[in-house]
Amino acid sequence: VLYHDKISKGAKAYLALAGELLNNA
């Protein structure tokens, strides 16, 4: 979805999840 519509709520949510994973790591 990041490359389908990068400003969609779905894309933003998964970017946030990746950020949370990286922060935890």
mmCIF file of all heavy atoms, coordinates in Angstrom:
data_MODEL
# 
_entry.id   MODEL 
# 
loop_
_atom_site.group_PDB 
_atom_site.id 
_atom_site.type_symbol 
_atom_site.label_atom_id 
_atom_site.label_alt_id 
_atom_site.label_comp_id 
_atom_site.label_asym_id 
_atom_site.label_entity_id 
_atom_site.label_seq_id 
_atom_site.pdbx_PDB_ins_code 
_atom_site.Cartn_x 
_atom_site.Cartn_y 
_atom_site.Cartn_z 
_atom_site.occupancy 
_atom_site.B_iso_or_equiv 
_atom_site.pdbx_formal_charge 
_atom_site.auth_seq_id 
_atom_site.auth_comp_id 
_atom_site.auth_asym_id 
_atom_site.auth_atom_id 
_atom_site.pdbx_PDB_model_num 
ATOM 1   N N   . VAL A 1 1  ? 0.817  -1.209 0.000  1.00 0.00 ? 1  VAL A N   1 
ATOM 2   C CA  . VAL A 1 1  ? 0.000  0.000  0.000  1.00 0.00 ? 1  VAL A CA  1 
ATOM 3   C C   . VAL A 1 1  ? 0.856  1.268  0.000  1.00 0.00 ? 1  VAL A C   1 
ATOM 4   O O   . VAL A 1 1  ? 0.442  2.314  -0.505 1.00 0.00 ? 1  VAL A O   1 
ATOM 5   C CB  . VAL A 1 1  ? -0.986 0.001  1.201  1.00 0.00 ? 1  VAL A CB  1 
ATOM 6   C CG1 . VAL A 1 1  ? -0.247 0.213  2.523  1.00 0.00 ? 1  VAL A CG1 1 
ATOM 7   C CG2 . VAL A 1 1  ? -2.075 1.048  1.025  1.00 0.00 ? 1  VAL A CG2 1 
ATOM 8   N N   . LEU A 1 2  ? 2.072  1.175  0.513  1.00 0.00 ? 2  LEU A N   1 
ATOM 9   C CA  . LEU A 1 2  ? 2.990  2.313  0.536  1.00 0.00 ? 2  LEU A CA  1 
ATOM 10  C C   . LEU A 1 2  ? 3.248  2.852  -0.869 1.00 0.00 ? 2  LEU A C   1 
ATOM 11  O O   . LEU A 1 2  ? 3.473  4.051  -1.052 1.00 0.00 ? 2  LEU A O   1 
ATOM 12  C CB  . LEU A 1 2  ? 4.308  1.884  1.194  1.00 0.00 ? 2  LEU A CB  1 
ATOM 13  C CG  . LEU A 1 2  ? 5.376  2.949  1.430  1.00 0.00 ? 2  LEU A CG  1 
ATOM 14  C CD1 . LEU A 1 2  ? 4.850  4.054  2.341  1.00 0.00 ? 2  LEU A CD1 1 
ATOM 15  C CD2 . LEU A 1 2  ? 6.633  2.316  2.032  1.00 0.00 ? 2  LEU A CD2 1 
ATOM 16  N N   . TYR A 1 3  ? 3.199  1.972  -1.871 1.00 0.00 ? 3  TYR A N   1 
ATOM 17  C CA  . TYR A 1 3  ? 3.455  2.384  -3.255 1.00 0.00 ? 3  TYR A CA  1 
ATOM 18  C C   . TYR A 1 3  ? 2.177  2.496  -4.062 1.00 0.00 ? 3  TYR A C   1 
ATOM 19  O O   . TYR A 1 3  ? 2.208  2.866  -5.229 1.00 0.00 ? 3  TYR A O   1 
ATOM 20  C CB  . TYR A 1 3  ? 4.458  1.421  -3.906 1.00 0.00 ? 3  TYR A CB  1 
ATOM 21  C CG  . TYR A 1 3  ? 5.761  1.436  -3.144 1.00 0.00 ? 3  TYR A CG  1 
ATOM 22  C CD1 . TYR A 1 3  ? 6.079  0.420  -2.238 1.00 0.00 ? 3  TYR A CD1 1 
ATOM 23  C CD2 . TYR A 1 3  ? 6.653  2.499  -3.272 1.00 0.00 ? 3  TYR A CD2 1 
ATOM 24  C CE1 . TYR A 1 3  ? 7.255  0.454  -1.506 1.00 0.00 ? 3  TYR A CE1 1 
ATOM 25  C CE2 . TYR A 1 3  ? 7.825  2.546  -2.543 1.00 0.00 ? 3  TYR A CE2 1 
ATOM 26  C CZ  . TYR A 1 3  ? 8.119  1.529  -1.657 1.00 0.00 ? 3  TYR A CZ  1 
ATOM 27  O OH  . TYR A 1 3  ? 9.281  1.576  -0.930 1.00 0.00 ? 3  TYR A OH  1 
ATOM 28  N N   . HIS A 1 4  ? 1.070  2.145  -3.444 1.00 0.00 ? 4  HIS A N   1 
ATOM 29  C CA  . HIS A 1 4  ? -0.246 2.323  -4.081 1.00 0.00 ? 4  HIS A CA  1 
ATOM 30  C C   . HIS A 1 4  ? -0.826 3.683  -3.702 1.00 0.00 ? 4  HIS A C   1 
ATOM 31  O O   . HIS A 1 4  ? -1.322 4.416  -4.556 1.00 0.00 ? 4  HIS A O   1 
ATOM 32  C CB  . HIS A 1 4  ? -1.183 1.193  -3.641 1.00 0.00 ? 4  HIS A CB  1 
ATOM 33  C CG  . HIS A 1 4  ? -2.575 1.304  -4.162 1.00 0.00 ? 4  HIS A CG  1 
ATOM 34  N ND1 . HIS A 1 4  ? -2.860 1.483  -5.503 1.00 0.00 ? 4  HIS A ND1 1 
ATOM 35  C CD2 . HIS A 1 4  ? -3.781 1.264  -3.518 1.00 0.00 ? 4  HIS A CD2 1 
ATOM 36  C CE1 . HIS A 1 4  ? -4.173 1.554  -5.661 1.00 0.00 ? 4  HIS A CE1 1 
ATOM 37  N NE2 . HIS A 1 4  ? -4.746 1.431  -4.474 1.00 0.00 ? 4  HIS A NE2 1 
ATOM 38  N N   . ASP A 1 5  ? -0.745 4.010  -2.423 1.00 0.00 ? 5  ASP A N   1 
ATOM 39  C CA  . ASP A 1 5  ? -1.213 5.316  -1.945 1.00 0.00 ? 5  ASP A CA  1 
ATOM 40  C C   . ASP A 1 5  ? -0.497 5.610  -0.628 1.00 0.00 ? 5  ASP A C   1 
ATOM 41  O O   . ASP A 1 5  ? -0.942 5.199  0.439  1.00 0.00 ? 5  ASP A O   1 
ATOM 42  C CB  . ASP A 1 5  ? -2.729 5.303  -1.740 1.00 0.00 ? 5  ASP A CB  1 
ATOM 43  C CG  . ASP A 1 5  ? -3.286 6.674  -1.351 1.00 0.00 ? 5  ASP A CG  1 
ATOM 44  O OD1 . ASP A 1 5  ? -2.467 7.571  -1.061 1.00 0.00 ? 5  ASP A OD1 1 
ATOM 45  O OD2 . ASP A 1 5  ? -4.509 6.832  -1.313 1.00 0.00 ? 5  ASP A OD2 1 
ATOM 46  N N   . LYS A 1 6  ? 0.629  6.324  -0.719 1.00 0.00 ? 6  LYS A N   1 
ATOM 47  C CA  . LYS A 1 6  ? 1.492  6.503  0.455  1.00 0.00 ? 6  LYS A CA  1 
ATOM 48  C C   . LYS A 1 6  ? 0.900  7.413  1.521  1.00 0.00 ? 6  LYS A C   1 
ATOM 49  O O   . LYS A 1 6  ? 1.387  7.427  2.661  1.00 0.00 ? 6  LYS A O   1 
ATOM 50  C CB  . LYS A 1 6  ? 2.864  7.030  0.030  1.00 0.00 ? 6  LYS A CB  1 
ATOM 51  C CG  . LYS A 1 6  ? 2.860  8.420  -0.571 1.00 0.00 ? 6  LYS A CG  1 
ATOM 52  C CD  . LYS A 1 6  ? 4.264  8.817  -0.989 1.00 0.00 ? 6  LYS A CD  1 
ATOM 53  C CE  . LYS A 1 6  ? 4.283  10.217 -1.593 1.00 0.00 ? 6  LYS A CE  1 
ATOM 54  N NZ  . LYS A 1 6  ? 5.642  10.578 -2.057 1.00 0.00 ? 6  LYS A NZ  1 
ATOM 55  N N   . ILE A 1 7  ? -0.157 8.163  1.173  1.00 0.00 ? 7  ILE A N   1 
ATOM 56  C CA  . ILE A 1 7  ? -0.765 9.037  2.184  1.00 0.00 ? 7  ILE A CA  1 
ATOM 57  C C   . ILE A 1 7  ? -2.046 8.431  2.778  1.00 0.00 ? 7  ILE A C   1 
ATOM 58  O O   . ILE A 1 7  ? -2.738 9.077  3.555  1.00 0.00 ? 7  ILE A O   1 
ATOM 59  C CB  . ILE A 1 7  ? -1.050 10.452 1.630  1.00 0.00 ? 7  ILE A CB  1 
ATOM 60  C CG1 . ILE A 1 7  ? -2.071 10.395 0.489  1.00 0.00 ? 7  ILE A CG1 1 
ATOM 61  C CG2 . ILE A 1 7  ? 0.237  11.133 1.184  1.00 0.00 ? 7  ILE A CG2 1 
ATOM 62  C CD1 . ILE A 1 7  ? -2.591 11.766 0.075  1.00 0.00 ? 7  ILE A CD1 1 
ATOM 63  N N   . SER A 1 8  ? -2.348 7.195  2.402  1.00 0.00 ? 8  SER A N   1 
ATOM 64  C CA  . SER A 1 8  ? -3.537 6.531  2.948  1.00 0.00 ? 8  SER A CA  1 
ATOM 65  C C   . SER A 1 8  ? -3.316 6.189  4.419  1.00 0.00 ? 8  SER A C   1 
ATOM 66  O O   . SER A 1 8  ? -2.185 6.090  4.901  1.00 0.00 ? 8  SER A O   1 
ATOM 67  C CB  . SER A 1 8  ? -3.845 5.249  2.169  1.00 0.00 ? 8  SER A CB  1 
ATOM 68  O OG  . SER A 1 8  ? -2.815 4.295  2.357  1.00 0.00 ? 8  SER A OG  1 
ATOM 69  N N   . LYS A 1 9  ? -4.422 5.996  5.129  1.00 0.00 ? 9  LYS A N   1 
ATOM 70  C CA  . LYS A 1 9  ? -4.337 5.627  6.554  1.00 0.00 ? 9  LYS A CA  1 
ATOM 71  C C   . LYS A 1 9  ? -3.617 4.292  6.735  1.00 0.00 ? 9  LYS A C   1 
ATOM 72  O O   . LYS A 1 9  ? -2.878 4.099  7.701  1.00 0.00 ? 9  LYS A O   1 
ATOM 73  C CB  . LYS A 1 9  ? -5.735 5.556  7.163  1.00 0.00 ? 9  LYS A CB  1 
ATOM 74  C CG  . LYS A 1 9  ? -6.404 6.908  7.365  1.00 0.00 ? 9  LYS A CG  1 
ATOM 75  C CD  . LYS A 1 9  ? -7.772 6.753  8.020  1.00 0.00 ? 9  LYS A CD  1 
ATOM 76  C CE  . LYS A 1 9  ? -8.433 8.108  8.252  1.00 0.00 ? 9  LYS A CE  1 
ATOM 77  N NZ  . LYS A 1 9  ? -9.771 7.961  8.880  1.00 0.00 ? 9  LYS A NZ  1 
ATOM 78  N N   . GLY A 1 10 ? -3.844 3.371  5.790  1.00 0.00 ? 10 GLY A N   1 
ATOM 79  C CA  . GLY A 1 10 ? -3.204 2.057  5.873  1.00 0.00 ? 10 GLY A CA  1 
ATOM 80  C C   . GLY A 1 10 ? -1.691 2.154  5.753  1.00 0.00 ? 10 GLY A C   1 
ATOM 81  O O   . GLY A 1 10 ? -0.948 1.529  6.517  1.00 0.00 ? 10 GLY A O   1 
ATOM 82  N N   . ALA A 1 11 ? -1.220 2.950  4.785  1.00 0.00 ? 11 ALA A N   1 
ATOM 83  C CA  . ALA A 1 11 ? 0.228  3.119  4.585  1.00 0.00 ? 11 ALA A CA  1 
ATOM 84  C C   . ALA A 1 11 ? 0.865  3.759  5.814  1.00 0.00 ? 11 ALA A C   1 
ATOM 85  O O   . ALA A 1 11 ? 1.922  3.319  6.297  1.00 0.00 ? 11 ALA A O   1 
ATOM 86  C CB  . ALA A 1 11 ? 0.486  3.973  3.346  1.00 0.00 ? 11 ALA A CB  1 
ATOM 87  N N   . LYS A 1 12 ? 0.216  4.780  6.348  1.00 0.00 ? 12 LYS A N   1 
ATOM 88  C CA  . LYS A 1 12 ? 0.749  5.473  7.531  1.00 0.00 ? 12 LYS A CA  1 
ATOM 89  C C   . LYS A 1 12 ? 0.794  4.540  8.737  1.00 0.00 ? 12 LYS A C   1 
ATOM 90  O O   . LYS A 1 12 ? 1.734  4.593  9.542  1.00 0.00 ? 12 LYS A O   1 
ATOM 91  C CB  . LYS A 1 12 ? -0.097 6.708  7.836  1.00 0.00 ? 12 LYS A CB  1 
ATOM 92  C CG  . LYS A 1 12 ? 0.071  7.830  6.809  1.00 0.00 ? 12 LYS A CG  1 
ATOM 93  C CD  . LYS A 1 12 ? -0.852 9.007  7.121  1.00 0.00 ? 12 LYS A CD  1 
ATOM 94  C CE  . LYS A 1 12 ? -0.683 10.123 6.106  1.00 0.00 ? 12 LYS A CE  1 
ATOM 95  N NZ  . LYS A 1 12 ? -1.629 11.245 6.359  1.00 0.00 ? 12 LYS A NZ  1 
ATOM 96  N N   . ALA A 1 13 ? -0.210 3.670  8.858  1.00 0.00 ? 13 ALA A N   1 
ATOM 97  C CA  . ALA A 1 13 ? -0.256 2.748  9.999  1.00 0.00 ? 13 ALA A CA  1 
ATOM 98  C C   . ALA A 1 13 ? 0.903  1.750  9.939  1.00 0.00 ? 13 ALA A C   1 
ATOM 99  O O   . ALA A 1 13 ? 1.550  1.483  10.959 1.00 0.00 ? 13 ALA A O   1 
ATOM 100 C CB  . ALA A 1 13 ? -1.593 2.011  10.028 1.00 0.00 ? 13 ALA A CB  1 
ATOM 101 N N   . TYR A 1 14 ? 1.189  1.208  8.751  1.00 0.00 ? 14 TYR A N   1 
ATOM 102 C CA  . TYR A 1 14 ? 2.280  0.231  8.657  1.00 0.00 ? 14 TYR A CA  1 
ATOM 103 C C   . TYR A 1 14 ? 3.649  0.885  8.784  1.00 0.00 ? 14 TYR A C   1 
ATOM 104 O O   . TYR A 1 14 ? 4.586  0.269  9.308  1.00 0.00 ? 14 TYR A O   1 
ATOM 105 C CB  . TYR A 1 14 ? 2.150  -0.604 7.377  1.00 0.00 ? 14 TYR A CB  1 
ATOM 106 C CG  . TYR A 1 14 ? 1.161  -1.735 7.565  1.00 0.00 ? 14 TYR A CG  1 
ATOM 107 C CD1 . TYR A 1 14 ? -0.075 -1.736 6.926  1.00 0.00 ? 14 TYR A CD1 1 
ATOM 108 C CD2 . TYR A 1 14 ? 1.448  -2.789 8.428  1.00 0.00 ? 14 TYR A CD2 1 
ATOM 109 C CE1 . TYR A 1 14 ? -0.994 -2.758 7.136  1.00 0.00 ? 14 TYR A CE1 1 
ATOM 110 C CE2 . TYR A 1 14 ? 0.545  -3.817 8.639  1.00 0.00 ? 14 TYR A CE2 1 
ATOM 111 C CZ  . TYR A 1 14 ? -0.675 -3.793 7.992  1.00 0.00 ? 14 TYR A CZ  1 
ATOM 112 O OH  . TYR A 1 14 ? -1.570 -4.812 8.220  1.00 0.00 ? 14 TYR A OH  1 
ATOM 113 N N   . LEU A 1 15 ? 3.786  2.120  8.339  1.00 0.00 ? 15 LEU A N   1 
ATOM 114 C CA  . LEU A 1 15 ? 5.034  2.853  8.586  1.00 0.00 ? 15 LEU A CA  1 
ATOM 115 C C   . LEU A 1 15 ? 5.227  3.060  10.092 1.00 0.00 ? 15 LEU A C   1 
ATOM 116 O O   . LEU A 1 15 ? 6.335  2.934  10.613 1.00 0.00 ? 15 LEU A O   1 
ATOM 117 C CB  . LEU A 1 15 ? 5.009  4.200  7.867  1.00 0.00 ? 15 LEU A CB  1 
ATOM 118 C CG  . LEU A 1 15 ? 5.220  4.158  6.344  1.00 0.00 ? 15 LEU A CG  1 
ATOM 119 C CD1 . LEU A 1 15 ? 4.922  5.520  5.732  1.00 0.00 ? 15 LEU A CD1 1 
ATOM 120 C CD2 . LEU A 1 15 ? 6.653  3.713  6.000  1.00 0.00 ? 15 LEU A CD2 1 
ATOM 121 N N   . ALA A 1 16 ? 4.119  3.346  10.795 1.00 0.00 ? 16 ALA A N   1 
ATOM 122 C CA  . ALA A 1 16 ? 4.184  3.513  12.254 1.00 0.00 ? 16 ALA A CA  1 
ATOM 123 C C   . ALA A 1 16 ? 4.551  2.201  12.937 1.00 0.00 ? 16 ALA A C   1 
ATOM 124 O O   . ALA A 1 16 ? 5.331  2.179  13.903 1.00 0.00 ? 16 ALA A O   1 
ATOM 125 C CB  . ALA A 1 16 ? 2.843  4.031  12.775 1.00 0.00 ? 16 ALA A CB  1 
ATOM 126 N N   . LEU A 1 17 ? 4.010  1.088  12.434 1.00 0.00 ? 17 LEU A N   1 
ATOM 127 C CA  . LEU A 1 17 ? 4.329  -0.218 13.010 1.00 0.00 ? 17 LEU A CA  1 
ATOM 128 C C   . LEU A 1 17 ? 5.810  -0.540 12.820 1.00 0.00 ? 17 LEU A C   1 
ATOM 129 O O   . LEU A 1 17 ? 6.470  -1.030 13.743 1.00 0.00 ? 17 LEU A O   1 
ATOM 130 C CB  . LEU A 1 17 ? 3.463  -1.307 12.363 1.00 0.00 ? 17 LEU A CB  1 
ATOM 131 C CG  . LEU A 1 17 ? 3.724  -2.739 12.848 1.00 0.00 ? 17 LEU A CG  1 
ATOM 132 C CD1 . LEU A 1 17 ? 3.394  -2.887 14.331 1.00 0.00 ? 17 LEU A CD1 1 
ATOM 133 C CD2 . LEU A 1 17 ? 2.906  -3.742 12.022 1.00 0.00 ? 17 LEU A CD2 1 
ATOM 134 N N   . ALA A 1 18 ? 6.343  -0.253 11.626 1.00 0.00 ? 18 ALA A N   1 
ATOM 135 C CA  . ALA A 1 18 ? 7.771  -0.477 11.375 1.00 0.00 ? 18 ALA A CA  1 
ATOM 136 C C   . ALA A 1 18 ? 8.606  0.372  12.326 1.00 0.00 ? 18 ALA A C   1 
ATOM 137 O O   . ALA A 1 18 ? 9.608  -0.103 12.897 1.00 0.00 ? 18 ALA A O   1 
ATOM 138 C CB  . ALA A 1 18 ? 8.113  -0.146 9.927  1.00 0.00 ? 18 ALA A CB  1 
ATOM 139 N N   . GLY A 1 19 ? 8.185  1.614  12.531 1.00 0.00 ? 19 GLY A N   1 
ATOM 140 C CA  . GLY A 1 19 ? 8.888  2.487  13.461 1.00 0.00 ? 19 GLY A CA  1 
ATOM 141 C C   . GLY A 1 19 ? 8.856  1.950  14.877 1.00 0.00 ? 19 GLY A C   1 
ATOM 142 O O   . GLY A 1 19 ? 9.863  2.005  15.607 1.00 0.00 ? 19 GLY A O   1 
ATOM 143 N N   . GLU A 1 20 ? 7.715  1.385  15.268 1.00 0.00 ? 20 GLU A N   1 
ATOM 144 C CA  . GLU A 1 20 ? 7.589  0.817  16.618 1.00 0.00 ? 20 GLU A CA  1 
ATOM 145 C C   . GLU A 1 20 ? 8.511  -0.391 16.787 1.00 0.00 ? 20 GLU A C   1 
ATOM 146 O O   . GLU A 1 20 ? 9.166  -0.548 17.820 1.00 0.00 ? 20 GLU A O   1 
ATOM 147 C CB  . GLU A 1 20 ? 6.125  0.417  16.854 1.00 0.00 ? 20 GLU A CB  1 
ATOM 148 C CG  . GLU A 1 20 ? 5.809  0.097  18.296 1.00 0.00 ? 20 GLU A CG  1 
ATOM 149 C CD  . GLU A 1 20 ? 4.324  -0.118 18.564 1.00 0.00 ? 20 GLU A CD  1 
ATOM 150 O OE1 . GLU A 1 20 ? 3.480  0.335  17.759 1.00 0.00 ? 20 GLU A OE1 1 
ATOM 151 O OE2 . GLU A 1 20 ? 4.008  -0.742 19.598 1.00 0.00 ? 20 GLU A OE2 1 
ATOM 152 N N   . LEU A 1 21 ? 8.591  -1.224 15.748 1.00 0.00 ? 21 LEU A N   1 
ATOM 153 C CA  . LEU A 1 21 ? 9.467  -2.392 15.772 1.00 0.00 ? 21 LEU A CA  1 
ATOM 154 C C   . LEU A 1 21 ? 10.939 -1.976 15.898 1.00 0.00 ? 21 LEU A C   1 
ATOM 155 O O   . LEU A 1 21 ? 11.696 -2.535 16.695 1.00 0.00 ? 21 LEU A O   1 
ATOM 156 C CB  . LEU A 1 21 ? 9.283  -3.216 14.492 1.00 0.00 ? 21 LEU A CB  1 
ATOM 157 C CG  . LEU A 1 21 ? 8.842  -4.672 14.662 1.00 0.00 ? 21 LEU A CG  1 
ATOM 158 C CD1 . LEU A 1 21 ? 7.407  -4.703 15.183 1.00 0.00 ? 21 LEU A CD1 1 
ATOM 159 C CD2 . LEU A 1 21 ? 8.929  -5.419 13.340 1.00 0.00 ? 21 LEU A CD2 1 
ATOM 160 N N   . LEU A 1 22 ? 11.322 -0.988 15.105 1.00 0.00 ? 22 LEU A N   1 
ATOM 161 C CA  . LEU A 1 22 ? 12.707 -0.512 15.107 1.00 0.00 ? 22 LEU A CA  1 
ATOM 162 C C   . LEU A 1 22 ? 13.051 0.133  16.451 1.00 0.00 ? 22 LEU A C   1 
ATOM 163 O O   . LEU A 1 22 ? 14.161 -0.041 16.974 1.00 0.00 ? 22 LEU A O   1 
ATOM 164 C CB  . LEU A 1 22 ? 12.939 0.478  13.962 1.00 0.00 ? 22 LEU A CB  1 
ATOM 165 C CG  . LEU A 1 22 ? 12.877 -0.133 12.555 1.00 0.00 ? 22 LEU A CG  1 
ATOM 166 C CD1 . LEU A 1 22 ? 12.847 0.952  11.497 1.00 0.00 ? 22 LEU A CD1 1 
ATOM 167 C CD2 . LEU A 1 22 ? 14.064 -1.067 12.314 1.00 0.00 ? 22 LEU A CD2 1 
ATOM 168 N N   . ASN A 1 23 ? 12.101 0.860  17.001 1.00 0.00 ? 23 ASN A N   1 
ATOM 169 C CA  . ASN A 1 23 ? 12.319 1.498  18.301 1.00 0.00 ? 23 ASN A CA  1 
ATOM 170 C C   . ASN A 1 23 ? 12.478 0.456  19.413 1.00 0.00 ? 23 ASN A C   1 
ATOM 171 O O   . ASN A 1 23 ? 13.357 0.572  20.269 1.00 0.00 ? 23 ASN A O   1 
ATOM 172 C CB  . ASN A 1 23 ? 11.129 2.428  18.610 1.00 0.00 ? 23 ASN A CB  1 
ATOM 173 C CG  . ASN A 1 23 ? 11.359 3.263  19.862 1.00 0.00 ? 23 ASN A CG  1 
ATOM 174 O OD1 . ASN A 1 23 ? 12.422 3.829  20.047 1.00 0.00 ? 23 ASN A OD1 1 
ATOM 175 N ND2 . ASN A 1 23 ? 10.355 3.331  20.717 1.00 0.00 ? 23 ASN A ND2 1 
ATOM 176 N N   . ASN A 1 24 ? 11.635 -0.587 19.370 1.00 0.00 ? 24 ASN A N   1 
ATOM 177 C CA  . ASN A 1 24 ? 11.736 -1.672 20.355 1.00 0.00 ? 24 ASN A CA  1 
ATOM 178 C C   . ASN A 1 24 ? 13.075 -2.392 20.236 1.00 0.00 ? 24 ASN A C   1 
ATOM 179 O O   . ASN A 1 24 ? 13.692 -2.765 21.233 1.00 0.00 ? 24 ASN A O   1 
ATOM 180 C CB  . ASN A 1 24 ? 10.592 -2.673 20.184 1.00 0.00 ? 24 ASN A CB  1 
ATOM 181 C CG  . ASN A 1 24 ? 9.238  -2.092 20.573 1.00 0.00 ? 24 ASN A CG  1 
ATOM 182 O OD1 . ASN A 1 24 ? 9.177  -1.053 21.240 1.00 0.00 ? 24 ASN A OD1 1 
ATOM 183 N ND2 . ASN A 1 24 ? 8.165  -2.733 20.165 1.00 0.00 ? 24 ASN A ND2 1 
ATOM 184 N N   . ALA A 1 25 ? 13.519 -2.601 18.974 1.00 0.00 ? 25 ALA A N   1 
ATOM 185 C CA  . ALA A 1 25 ? 14.784 -3.306 18.743 1.00 0.00 ? 25 ALA A CA  1 
ATOM 186 C C   . ALA A 1 25 ? 15.963 -2.491 19.273 1.00 0.00 ? 25 ALA A C   1 
ATOM 187 O O   . ALA A 1 25 ? 16.914 -3.060 19.825 1.00 0.00 ? 25 ALA A O   1 
ATOM 188 C CB  . ALA A 1 25 ? 14.964 -3.575 17.250 1.00 0.00 ? 25 ALA A CB  1 
# 
